[in-house]
N, C-alpha and C. Protein backbone atom coordinates (compact mmCIF):
# COMPACT_ATOMS: atom_id res chain seq x y z
N MET A 1 -34.51 10.00 18.24
CA MET A 1 -34.22 11.04 17.35
C MET A 1 -33.77 10.38 16.39
N THR A 2 -34.92 10.70 15.27
CA THR A 2 -35.04 10.20 13.74
C THR A 2 -34.10 9.91 13.04
N LYS A 3 -32.82 9.14 12.06
CA LYS A 3 -32.19 8.96 11.16
C LYS A 3 -32.04 10.59 10.58
N ALA A 4 -33.05 10.78 10.26
CA ALA A 4 -32.91 11.87 9.40
C ALA A 4 -33.06 13.09 9.89
N GLU A 5 -33.27 13.70 11.64
CA GLU A 5 -32.94 14.39 12.66
C GLU A 5 -31.84 14.53 12.93
N PHE A 6 -31.41 13.36 12.81
CA PHE A 6 -29.80 13.10 12.83
C PHE A 6 -28.76 14.02 12.16
N ALA A 7 -29.31 13.11 10.97
CA ALA A 7 -28.54 13.90 9.03
C ALA A 7 -28.71 15.01 9.32
N ALA A 8 -29.93 16.41 9.87
CA ALA A 8 -29.64 17.45 9.75
C ALA A 8 -29.09 18.17 10.60
N ARG A 9 -29.10 17.11 11.94
CA ARG A 9 -28.14 18.01 13.06
C ARG A 9 -26.35 18.08 12.10
N LEU A 10 -25.86 16.84 11.75
CA LEU A 10 -24.43 16.23 11.09
C LEU A 10 -24.61 17.64 9.89
N LYS A 11 -25.19 17.58 8.53
CA LYS A 11 -25.29 18.77 7.96
C LYS A 11 -25.14 20.42 8.53
N ASN A 12 -25.54 20.14 9.54
CA ASN A 12 -25.53 21.81 10.18
C ASN A 12 -24.11 22.22 11.22
N ALA A 13 -23.76 20.10 11.76
CA ALA A 13 -22.19 20.09 11.80
C ALA A 13 -21.14 20.70 10.70
N CYS A 14 -21.32 20.20 9.40
CA CYS A 14 -20.58 20.34 8.34
C CYS A 14 -20.31 21.56 8.43
N ALA A 15 -21.74 22.13 8.19
CA ALA A 15 -21.88 23.56 7.55
C ALA A 15 -20.85 24.75 8.52
N ALA A 16 -20.89 23.97 10.09
CA ALA A 16 -20.60 25.28 10.82
C ALA A 16 -19.25 24.67 10.57
N VAL A 17 -18.29 23.78 10.51
CA VAL A 17 -16.74 23.57 10.29
C VAL A 17 -16.66 24.40 9.09
N ILE A 18 -17.08 24.24 7.62
CA ILE A 18 -16.75 24.84 6.69
C ILE A 18 -16.43 26.50 6.34
N ALA A 19 -18.27 26.97 7.27
CA ALA A 19 -18.14 28.35 7.51
C ALA A 19 -16.92 28.98 8.72
N ALA A 20 -16.31 28.30 8.87
CA ALA A 20 -15.01 28.39 10.44
C ALA A 20 -13.78 28.32 9.00
N GLU A 21 -13.65 28.22 8.12
CA GLU A 21 -11.82 27.77 7.70
C GLU A 21 -11.13 28.67 8.03
N PRO A 22 -11.44 30.01 6.72
CA PRO A 22 -10.78 31.19 7.15
C PRO A 22 -9.84 31.22 9.05
N GLU A 23 -11.12 30.49 9.25
CA GLU A 23 -10.61 31.14 11.07
C GLU A 23 -9.27 29.95 11.76
N LEU A 24 -9.56 28.41 11.24
CA LEU A 24 -8.87 27.27 11.20
C LEU A 24 -7.59 27.86 10.47
N THR A 25 -7.17 28.54 9.45
CA THR A 25 -6.46 28.57 8.71
C THR A 25 -5.46 29.43 9.33
N ASP A 26 -6.08 30.60 10.06
CA ASP A 26 -5.36 31.54 10.49
C ASP A 26 -4.38 30.00 11.98
N ILE A 27 -5.03 29.99 12.60
CA ILE A 27 -4.81 29.53 14.14
C ILE A 27 -3.35 28.33 13.62
N ASP A 28 -4.47 27.34 12.88
CA ASP A 28 -2.45 27.46 11.82
C ASP A 28 -1.56 27.68 10.82
N SER A 29 -1.83 28.50 10.65
CA SER A 29 -0.27 29.37 10.30
C SER A 29 0.54 29.54 11.46
N ARG A 30 -0.59 29.83 12.70
CA ARG A 30 0.67 29.97 13.75
C ARG A 30 2.12 29.24 14.01
N PHE A 31 1.29 28.09 14.32
CA PHE A 31 2.22 27.06 15.01
C PHE A 31 1.71 25.33 13.97
N GLY A 32 1.79 25.64 12.49
CA GLY A 32 1.44 24.53 12.01
C GLY A 32 1.82 24.55 10.23
N ASP A 33 0.99 23.82 9.86
CA ASP A 33 1.63 23.94 7.94
C ASP A 33 -0.04 24.53 7.08
N ALA A 34 -1.04 25.07 8.51
CA ALA A 34 -1.66 26.72 7.67
C ALA A 34 -2.86 25.62 6.84
N ASP A 35 -2.78 23.76 7.14
CA ASP A 35 -3.68 23.93 5.87
C ASP A 35 -5.04 23.20 6.49
N HIS A 36 -4.47 23.43 8.26
CA HIS A 36 -5.54 22.99 8.99
C HIS A 36 -7.66 23.25 8.80
N GLY A 37 -7.44 24.28 7.85
CA GLY A 37 -9.16 24.81 7.73
C GLY A 37 -9.67 24.22 6.56
N LEU A 38 -8.13 24.30 5.28
CA LEU A 38 -8.66 23.43 4.29
C LEU A 38 -9.09 21.88 3.80
N THR A 39 -8.23 21.34 5.27
CA THR A 39 -8.98 19.60 5.45
C THR A 39 -9.97 19.34 6.54
N MET A 40 -10.36 20.43 6.88
CA MET A 40 -11.88 20.18 7.48
C MET A 40 -12.64 20.85 6.90
N THR A 41 -12.52 21.17 6.16
CA THR A 41 -13.33 21.89 4.88
C THR A 41 -13.04 21.04 3.81
N LYS A 42 -12.84 19.72 3.86
CA LYS A 42 -12.61 18.48 3.20
C LYS A 42 -13.23 17.56 3.58
N ILE A 43 -13.15 17.22 5.19
CA ILE A 43 -13.76 16.40 6.01
C ILE A 43 -15.38 16.51 6.55
N ALA A 44 -15.88 17.54 6.10
CA ALA A 44 -16.96 18.40 6.46
C ALA A 44 -17.33 18.08 4.79
N GLY A 45 -16.98 18.57 3.93
CA GLY A 45 -17.60 18.20 3.30
C GLY A 45 -17.87 16.58 1.98
N ALA A 46 -16.86 16.18 2.51
CA ALA A 46 -16.96 14.61 2.40
C ALA A 46 -18.21 14.33 3.65
N ILE A 47 -18.41 14.34 4.80
CA ILE A 47 -19.43 13.78 5.27
C ILE A 47 -20.41 13.99 4.98
N SER A 48 -20.83 15.57 4.92
CA SER A 48 -22.53 15.94 4.17
C SER A 48 -22.71 15.37 3.31
N ALA A 49 -21.96 14.97 2.29
CA ALA A 49 -22.22 14.75 0.85
C ALA A 49 -22.63 12.96 1.02
N ALA A 50 -21.44 12.38 2.03
CA ALA A 50 -22.06 10.75 2.42
C ALA A 50 -23.41 10.62 3.07
N VAL A 51 -23.81 11.35 3.67
CA VAL A 51 -25.20 11.55 4.49
C VAL A 51 -26.05 11.75 4.23
N ASP A 52 -25.96 12.79 3.01
CA ASP A 52 -26.81 13.10 1.73
C ASP A 52 -27.22 11.50 0.51
N ALA A 53 -26.56 11.02 0.09
CA ALA A 53 -26.25 9.80 -0.14
C ALA A 53 -26.28 8.81 0.32
N SER A 54 -27.13 8.34 1.33
CA SER A 54 -26.76 7.01 2.24
C SER A 54 -28.33 6.75 2.70
N GLU A 55 -28.16 5.73 1.69
CA GLU A 55 -29.73 5.38 1.69
C GLU A 55 -30.21 3.78 3.13
N GLY A 56 -29.09 3.83 4.12
CA GLY A 56 -29.17 2.68 4.86
C GLY A 56 -30.02 3.47 6.02
N GLY A 57 -30.06 3.21 7.59
CA GLY A 57 -30.14 2.82 8.68
C GLY A 57 -29.23 4.41 9.17
N ILE A 58 -29.07 4.47 10.38
CA ILE A 58 -28.13 5.00 11.47
C ILE A 58 -26.19 4.66 11.01
N GLN A 59 -26.54 3.88 11.72
CA GLN A 59 -25.67 3.01 11.46
C GLN A 59 -24.66 3.41 9.76
N ALA A 60 -25.57 2.94 9.24
CA ALA A 60 -25.35 2.86 7.34
C ALA A 60 -24.57 4.15 6.89
N MET A 61 -24.90 4.95 7.18
CA MET A 61 -24.83 6.80 7.26
C MET A 61 -24.06 6.74 7.79
N LEU A 62 -23.47 6.37 8.40
CA LEU A 62 -22.45 6.81 9.70
C LEU A 62 -20.96 5.87 9.12
N ASP A 63 -21.25 4.79 9.13
CA ASP A 63 -19.99 3.80 7.78
C ASP A 63 -20.28 4.69 6.66
N ASP A 64 -21.32 4.87 6.18
CA ASP A 64 -20.77 6.25 5.00
C ASP A 64 -20.05 7.14 4.78
N ALA A 65 -20.61 7.74 5.99
CA ALA A 65 -19.61 9.14 6.30
C ALA A 65 -17.98 8.47 6.68
N ALA A 66 -17.72 7.34 7.36
CA ALA A 66 -16.50 7.56 7.65
C ALA A 66 -15.11 6.70 6.22
N MET A 67 -16.20 5.96 5.38
CA MET A 67 -15.26 5.33 4.30
C MET A 67 -15.27 7.17 3.50
N ALA A 68 -16.04 7.90 3.63
CA ALA A 68 -15.45 9.28 2.92
C ALA A 68 -14.61 9.60 3.02
N VAL A 69 -14.72 9.88 4.32
CA VAL A 69 -13.13 11.08 4.95
C VAL A 69 -12.46 9.91 4.18
N MET A 70 -11.98 8.61 4.67
CA MET A 70 -11.31 7.62 5.26
C MET A 70 -10.30 8.01 3.22
N SER A 71 -11.15 8.15 2.34
CA SER A 71 -10.82 7.98 1.00
C SER A 71 -10.48 9.77 0.44
N LEU A 72 -10.05 10.74 1.64
CA LEU A 72 -9.53 11.30 1.73
C LEU A 72 -7.87 11.31 1.71
N ASN A 73 -7.23 12.54 0.67
CA ASN A 73 -5.93 12.95 1.23
C ASN A 73 -5.69 13.94 2.08
N GLY A 74 -5.09 14.36 2.71
CA GLY A 74 -5.77 15.32 3.97
C GLY A 74 -4.02 15.03 5.09
N GLY A 75 -4.27 15.80 6.03
CA GLY A 75 -2.95 16.21 7.17
C GLY A 75 -3.70 15.00 7.86
N SER A 76 -3.38 15.14 9.26
CA SER A 76 -3.27 14.21 10.08
C SER A 76 -4.63 13.74 10.78
N ALA A 77 -5.52 15.37 10.68
CA ALA A 77 -7.57 15.38 10.38
C ALA A 77 -7.79 13.53 10.07
N VAL A 78 -7.50 13.47 9.05
CA VAL A 78 -8.14 12.51 8.16
C VAL A 78 -8.07 11.07 9.31
N PRO A 79 -7.25 10.40 9.25
CA PRO A 79 -7.49 9.59 9.92
C PRO A 79 -8.17 9.40 11.15
N LEU A 80 -7.84 10.44 11.88
CA LEU A 80 -8.53 10.72 13.19
C LEU A 80 -9.86 11.18 13.04
N TRP A 81 -9.97 11.83 12.28
CA TRP A 81 -11.88 12.04 12.45
C TRP A 81 -11.96 10.43 11.32
N ASN A 82 -11.33 10.13 11.10
CA ASN A 82 -12.09 8.37 10.16
C ASN A 82 -12.25 6.92 11.25
N THR A 83 -10.94 7.50 12.10
CA THR A 83 -11.58 6.55 13.28
C THR A 83 -12.52 7.16 14.16
N TRP A 84 -12.78 8.48 14.45
CA TRP A 84 -14.45 8.74 14.94
C TRP A 84 -14.97 8.74 14.57
N LEU A 85 -15.80 9.00 13.24
CA LEU A 85 -16.36 8.69 12.67
C LEU A 85 -16.72 6.66 12.58
N ASP A 86 -15.52 6.16 12.35
CA ASP A 86 -16.15 4.62 12.49
C ASP A 86 -16.31 4.85 14.01
N GLY A 87 -16.15 4.59 14.70
CA GLY A 87 -16.19 4.02 16.22
C GLY A 87 -17.69 4.02 16.29
N MET A 88 -18.15 5.79 15.69
CA MET A 88 -19.73 6.76 15.71
C MET A 88 -20.56 5.44 15.13
N GLN A 89 -19.83 4.89 14.14
CA GLN A 89 -20.84 3.89 13.28
C GLN A 89 -20.87 2.61 14.08
N GLU A 90 -20.45 2.09 14.76
CA GLU A 90 -19.53 0.75 15.45
C GLU A 90 -21.03 0.68 16.67
N GLY A 91 -20.99 1.45 16.88
CA GLY A 91 -22.01 2.02 18.40
C GLY A 91 -23.36 2.31 17.94
N ALA A 92 -23.42 2.47 16.42
CA ALA A 92 -24.30 3.41 16.10
C ALA A 92 -25.65 1.97 16.03
N PRO A 93 -27.55 2.24 16.85
CA PRO A 93 -27.83 1.25 15.81
C PRO A 93 -28.17 1.42 14.04
N GLU A 94 -28.83 0.15 14.41
CA GLU A 94 -28.76 -0.26 12.44
C GLU A 94 -29.80 0.38 12.12
N GLY A 95 -31.18 0.66 13.19
CA GLY A 95 -32.61 1.14 12.72
C GLY A 95 -32.22 2.23 12.12
N GLU A 96 -33.72 3.08 12.18
CA GLU A 96 -34.02 4.39 11.66
C GLU A 96 -33.82 5.80 13.59
N GLU A 97 -33.98 4.95 13.98
CA GLU A 97 -34.35 6.09 15.22
C GLU A 97 -33.45 5.60 16.15
N MET A 98 -32.98 6.53 17.13
CA MET A 98 -32.65 6.15 18.39
C MET A 98 -32.76 7.30 19.89
N ASP A 99 -32.01 5.98 20.81
CA ASP A 99 -32.37 7.75 22.06
C ASP A 99 -31.27 8.05 22.63
N THR A 100 -32.41 8.82 24.33
CA THR A 100 -30.31 9.66 24.44
C THR A 100 -29.84 7.95 24.56
N ALA A 101 -30.19 6.93 25.21
CA ALA A 101 -28.63 5.78 25.65
C ALA A 101 -28.87 5.52 24.15
N GLY A 102 -29.37 5.18 23.33
CA GLY A 102 -28.61 5.17 22.10
C GLY A 102 -27.37 6.50 22.04
N ILE A 103 -28.01 7.33 21.60
CA ILE A 103 -26.98 8.76 20.88
C ILE A 103 -25.72 8.07 22.01
N GLN A 104 -25.09 7.54 23.33
CA GLN A 104 -24.52 8.03 24.25
C GLN A 104 -23.87 6.82 24.05
N ALA A 105 -24.46 5.60 24.34
CA ALA A 105 -23.44 4.38 23.11
C ALA A 105 -22.52 4.76 21.94
N MET A 106 -23.37 5.25 20.82
CA MET A 106 -22.21 5.78 20.24
C MET A 106 -21.95 6.83 20.18
N PHE A 107 -21.23 8.00 20.91
CA PHE A 107 -20.39 8.55 21.20
C PHE A 107 -19.10 8.49 21.97
N ALA A 108 -19.52 7.43 23.64
CA ALA A 108 -18.86 6.68 24.23
C ALA A 108 -18.44 5.68 23.23
N LYS A 109 -18.72 4.62 21.68
CA LYS A 109 -17.71 4.29 21.54
C LYS A 109 -16.78 4.82 20.17
N ALA A 110 -17.18 6.31 19.78
CA ALA A 110 -16.57 6.87 18.89
C ALA A 110 -15.60 7.15 20.28
N LEU A 111 -15.41 7.92 21.00
CA LEU A 111 -14.68 8.50 22.02
C LEU A 111 -13.60 6.57 22.39
N GLU A 112 -13.69 5.68 22.01
CA GLU A 112 -13.20 4.96 23.09
C GLU A 112 -12.11 4.65 21.63
N GLU A 113 -12.69 4.04 20.63
CA GLU A 113 -11.26 4.13 19.11
C GLU A 113 -10.45 5.56 19.01
N LEU A 114 -11.64 6.08 19.03
CA LEU A 114 -10.49 7.66 19.10
C LEU A 114 -9.11 7.47 20.74
N ASP A 115 -9.58 7.38 21.20
CA ASP A 115 -8.33 7.93 22.27
C ASP A 115 -8.10 6.22 22.78
N ASP A 116 -7.72 5.09 21.46
CA ASP A 116 -6.78 4.18 21.43
C ASP A 116 -5.94 5.15 20.62
N MET A 117 -6.45 5.44 19.64
CA MET A 117 -5.58 5.54 18.54
C MET A 117 -4.54 7.20 18.59
N SER A 118 -5.55 8.36 19.66
CA SER A 118 -4.84 9.19 19.78
C SER A 118 -3.40 9.26 20.57
N GLY A 119 -4.66 8.96 21.69
CA GLY A 119 -3.12 8.80 23.21
C GLY A 119 -3.45 10.40 23.87
N ALA A 120 -4.03 11.10 22.75
CA ALA A 120 -4.36 12.26 23.90
C ALA A 120 -5.13 12.68 24.97
N LYS A 121 -4.69 13.64 25.26
CA LYS A 121 -5.71 13.71 26.76
C LYS A 121 -6.16 15.49 27.05
N VAL A 122 -6.53 15.37 28.12
CA VAL A 122 -7.35 16.60 28.57
C VAL A 122 -5.68 17.69 28.75
N GLY A 123 -5.47 18.47 28.03
CA GLY A 123 -4.05 19.96 29.30
C GLY A 123 -2.70 19.46 27.40
N ASP A 124 -3.45 18.35 26.52
CA ASP A 124 -2.63 18.39 25.32
C ASP A 124 -2.42 19.31 24.24
N LYS A 125 -3.76 20.00 24.24
CA LYS A 125 -3.81 21.05 23.37
C LYS A 125 -3.93 20.39 21.85
N THR A 126 -5.43 19.01 21.88
CA THR A 126 -5.27 18.80 20.38
C THR A 126 -7.30 18.58 20.04
N MET A 127 -7.36 17.71 19.43
CA MET A 127 -8.48 18.19 19.39
C MET A 127 -9.12 17.11 20.33
N MET A 128 -9.08 15.94 20.77
CA MET A 128 -9.50 15.86 22.28
C MET A 128 -9.96 16.99 23.24
N ASP A 129 -9.05 17.84 23.57
CA ASP A 129 -9.59 19.21 24.88
C ASP A 129 -10.87 19.43 24.15
N ALA A 130 -11.51 18.88 23.14
CA ALA A 130 -13.16 19.49 22.31
C ALA A 130 -13.94 18.62 23.09
N LEU A 131 -12.99 16.98 21.99
CA LEU A 131 -13.89 15.76 22.31
C LEU A 131 -14.32 15.54 23.83
N ILE A 132 -12.83 15.47 24.04
CA ILE A 132 -13.39 14.58 25.64
C ILE A 132 -14.37 15.07 26.50
N PRO A 133 -14.13 16.07 26.87
CA PRO A 133 -15.50 17.61 27.52
C PRO A 133 -16.93 16.41 27.28
N ALA A 134 -16.56 16.97 25.52
CA ALA A 134 -18.83 17.04 24.69
C ALA A 134 -18.65 15.03 25.25
N SER A 135 -17.83 14.74 24.63
CA SER A 135 -17.99 13.16 24.95
C SER A 135 -18.96 12.87 26.45
N GLU A 136 -18.48 13.93 27.78
CA GLU A 136 -18.23 13.24 28.86
C GLU A 136 -19.63 14.28 29.27
N ALA A 137 -19.70 15.22 28.62
CA ALA A 137 -21.58 16.28 28.87
C ALA A 137 -22.09 15.58 28.42
N ILE A 138 -22.20 14.45 27.27
CA ILE A 138 -23.15 13.19 26.83
C ILE A 138 -23.45 12.25 27.87
N ALA A 139 -21.90 11.81 28.39
CA ALA A 139 -22.36 10.13 28.64
C ALA A 139 -22.92 10.51 30.05
N ALA A 140 -22.90 12.07 30.90
CA ALA A 140 -23.61 12.18 32.29
C ALA A 140 -25.01 13.00 31.99
N TYR A 141 -25.29 12.92 29.99
CA TYR A 141 -26.74 13.64 30.36
C TYR A 141 -27.81 13.06 30.63
N THR A 142 -29.08 13.56 31.88
CA THR A 142 -30.29 13.13 31.54
C THR A 142 -31.43 13.38 31.50
N GLY A 143 -31.82 14.54 30.78
CA GLY A 143 -32.86 14.89 29.53
C GLY A 143 -33.17 14.10 28.23
N ASP A 144 -33.97 14.67 27.30
CA ASP A 144 -34.40 14.09 25.71
C ASP A 144 -33.29 14.78 25.54
N GLU A 145 -33.38 13.96 24.57
CA GLU A 145 -31.99 14.12 23.08
C GLU A 145 -31.96 15.23 22.60
N SER A 146 -33.19 16.25 22.91
CA SER A 146 -32.95 17.65 22.31
C SER A 146 -32.57 19.00 22.69
N GLY A 147 -31.76 18.56 24.29
CA GLY A 147 -30.60 19.01 24.79
C GLY A 147 -29.55 18.31 25.38
N LEU A 148 -29.65 17.22 24.18
CA LEU A 148 -28.03 16.12 24.47
C LEU A 148 -27.49 17.09 23.77
N PHE A 149 -27.29 17.58 22.93
CA PHE A 149 -25.93 18.20 21.61
C PHE A 149 -26.13 19.27 22.21
N GLU A 150 -26.52 20.65 22.99
CA GLU A 150 -26.35 21.67 23.07
C GLU A 150 -25.39 21.35 24.75
N ALA A 151 -25.56 20.13 25.27
CA ALA A 151 -25.34 20.55 26.84
C ALA A 151 -23.46 19.72 26.05
N ALA A 152 -23.30 18.47 24.82
CA ALA A 152 -21.90 18.64 24.25
C ALA A 152 -21.51 19.99 23.75
N ALA A 153 -21.92 21.01 23.61
CA ALA A 153 -21.73 21.70 22.34
C ALA A 153 -20.74 23.22 23.37
N GLN A 154 -22.26 23.20 24.90
CA GLN A 154 -21.00 24.15 25.76
C GLN A 154 -19.33 23.54 25.90
N ALA A 155 -19.53 21.79 26.32
CA ALA A 155 -18.72 21.37 27.26
C ALA A 155 -17.18 21.74 25.58
N ALA A 156 -17.39 21.32 24.45
CA ALA A 156 -16.86 21.35 23.20
C ALA A 156 -15.80 22.52 23.31
N ARG A 157 -17.26 23.57 23.70
CA ARG A 157 -16.22 24.87 23.38
C ARG A 157 -15.97 25.26 24.85
N GLN A 158 -16.41 24.88 25.76
CA GLN A 158 -14.89 25.88 26.91
C GLN A 158 -13.82 24.33 26.92
N GLY A 159 -14.10 23.87 26.23
CA GLY A 159 -12.99 22.76 25.61
C GLY A 159 -11.68 23.38 25.24
N ALA A 160 -12.49 24.02 24.21
CA ALA A 160 -11.07 24.38 22.98
C ALA A 160 -10.43 25.72 23.32
N GLU A 161 -11.35 26.37 24.33
CA GLU A 161 -11.18 27.74 24.65
C GLU A 161 -10.50 27.60 25.38
N ALA A 162 -10.13 26.65 26.73
CA ALA A 162 -9.55 26.23 27.48
C ALA A 162 -8.05 26.16 26.73
N THR A 163 -7.51 25.63 25.85
CA THR A 163 -6.37 25.20 25.25
C THR A 163 -5.68 26.56 24.40
N ARG A 164 -6.34 27.30 25.40
CA ARG A 164 -5.44 28.80 24.81
C ARG A 164 -4.09 28.79 26.00
N GLN A 165 -4.69 28.20 27.11
CA GLN A 165 -3.39 28.69 27.73
C GLN A 165 -2.78 27.37 28.22
N PHE A 166 -2.49 26.12 27.45
CA PHE A 166 -1.92 24.83 27.63
C PHE A 166 -0.55 25.16 26.00
N VAL A 167 0.60 24.31 26.79
CA VAL A 167 1.26 23.70 25.49
C VAL A 167 1.61 22.59 24.69
N SER A 168 1.86 23.37 23.27
CA SER A 168 1.30 22.32 22.13
C SER A 168 1.83 20.88 22.57
N LYS A 169 1.92 19.93 22.79
CA LYS A 169 2.62 18.11 22.61
C LYS A 169 2.49 17.58 22.34
N PHE A 170 1.96 18.20 20.80
CA PHE A 170 1.43 16.76 19.65
C PHE A 170 1.55 17.36 18.04
N GLY A 171 2.55 16.57 17.12
CA GLY A 171 2.05 17.30 15.79
C GLY A 171 3.16 18.78 15.41
N ARG A 172 3.04 19.38 14.90
CA ARG A 172 4.26 20.30 14.60
C ARG A 172 4.79 21.33 15.70
N ALA A 173 3.18 21.57 16.23
CA ALA A 173 3.51 22.98 16.79
C ALA A 173 4.26 22.32 18.27
N LYS A 174 4.33 21.03 18.93
CA LYS A 174 4.87 20.97 19.77
C LYS A 174 5.93 21.69 20.10
N SER A 175 7.38 21.88 18.23
CA SER A 175 8.51 22.29 18.64
C SER A 175 8.62 24.06 18.95
N TYR A 176 7.16 24.86 19.05
CA TYR A 176 7.74 25.69 19.77
C TYR A 176 7.05 25.67 21.04
N GLY A 177 6.45 24.45 21.56
CA GLY A 177 7.14 25.31 23.02
C GLY A 177 6.13 26.53 24.34
N GLN A 178 6.14 26.61 24.76
CA GLN A 178 5.97 28.71 25.54
C GLN A 178 5.41 28.90 24.26
N GLN A 179 5.77 29.31 22.91
CA GLN A 179 5.48 30.35 22.53
C GLN A 179 4.15 29.93 21.64
N THR A 180 3.22 28.76 21.97
CA THR A 180 1.89 27.93 21.80
C THR A 180 0.92 28.58 22.37
N ILE A 181 1.38 29.38 23.88
CA ILE A 181 0.61 29.51 24.70
C ILE A 181 -0.43 30.82 24.18
N GLY A 182 -1.36 31.19 24.43
CA GLY A 182 -1.99 32.85 23.66
C GLY A 182 -3.00 31.81 22.81
N THR A 183 -2.60 31.42 21.99
CA THR A 183 -3.09 30.45 20.66
C THR A 183 -4.05 29.15 20.96
N PRO A 184 -5.57 29.09 20.62
CA PRO A 184 -5.77 28.23 20.89
C PRO A 184 -5.69 26.63 19.48
N ASP A 185 -5.98 25.88 19.55
CA ASP A 185 -5.32 25.00 19.01
C ASP A 185 -6.57 24.65 17.89
N ALA A 186 -6.05 24.46 16.81
CA ALA A 186 -6.70 24.24 15.29
C ALA A 186 -8.09 23.21 15.66
N GLY A 187 -7.50 21.65 15.83
CA GLY A 187 -8.26 20.99 15.89
C GLY A 187 -9.26 20.61 16.87
N ALA A 188 -8.63 21.26 17.63
CA ALA A 188 -10.05 21.18 19.20
C ALA A 188 -11.29 22.30 18.61
N MET A 189 -10.52 23.83 18.40
CA MET A 189 -11.55 24.62 17.18
C MET A 189 -12.59 24.41 16.78
N SER A 190 -12.11 23.20 15.37
CA SER A 190 -12.93 21.89 14.64
C SER A 190 -13.93 21.54 14.96
N MET A 191 -13.24 20.78 16.36
CA MET A 191 -14.43 20.05 17.13
C MET A 191 -15.31 20.79 17.81
N SER A 192 -15.28 21.25 18.29
CA SER A 192 -16.08 22.24 18.28
C SER A 192 -17.52 23.18 17.89
N TYR A 193 -17.13 23.83 16.83
CA TYR A 193 -17.13 24.05 15.46
C TYR A 193 -18.13 22.81 15.30
N PHE A 194 -18.19 22.02 15.65
CA PHE A 194 -19.10 20.65 14.80
C PHE A 194 -20.15 20.03 15.99
N PHE A 195 -19.06 20.68 17.33
CA PHE A 195 -20.77 20.04 17.94
C PHE A 195 -21.73 21.76 18.23
N GLN A 196 -21.07 22.48 18.07
CA GLN A 196 -22.25 23.94 18.33
C GLN A 196 -23.13 23.16 16.19
N GLY A 197 -22.64 22.97 15.63
CA GLY A 197 -23.37 22.25 14.69
C GLY A 197 -24.37 21.19 14.88
N LEU A 198 -23.60 21.08 15.42
CA LEU A 198 -24.94 19.67 16.04
C LEU A 198 -26.12 19.41 16.64
N ALA A 199 -25.58 21.11 17.38
CA ALA A 199 -26.64 21.40 18.68
C ALA A 199 -27.62 22.11 18.16
N ARG A 200 -27.68 22.11 16.48
CA ARG A 200 -28.69 22.87 15.36
C ARG A 200 -29.65 22.06 15.40
N ALA A 201 -30.95 21.97 15.44
CA ALA A 201 -31.56 21.15 15.14
C ALA A 201 -31.96 21.27 13.22
């Protein structure tokens, strides 16, 4: 996959998140601050603009995206997404191309960095409920890179949907306990939309 191809997928991912802003705001308004949709729109906009402006290779493009997110004012999503993107650039190739193994190394490093910071596991009703299954799907993938992100998107979608059954264990929603059952996690949903966009070439 070339830098240009990956850049196009990243922009599609950002567009998918921005399009979901009303839904993300509605979910977050039930047990949160009702700002997740707006925060994710800022994050997606910053990533998309950085991808457009980047002149280096794949690693430099992801570094630019991480820096752009870090400069934002926003909720807890800002440092989490910055950490994930920063991990991605650490695992990314410096050049303009990567194969399936390169993509797998990049997303494995990204998950490792965010896991260290977040501490959340599957079942805790956070963005990790979508990210961990998506990352595992990427790690287990054996075909060419064209279907890799589709496999990740499917896993992320299922993970995000599963959060409806869980009790929130992090953030403001934690204080609502059992009441949060039936509502999906906003962070997991935004991560799922990001991967759905990545699956569009």
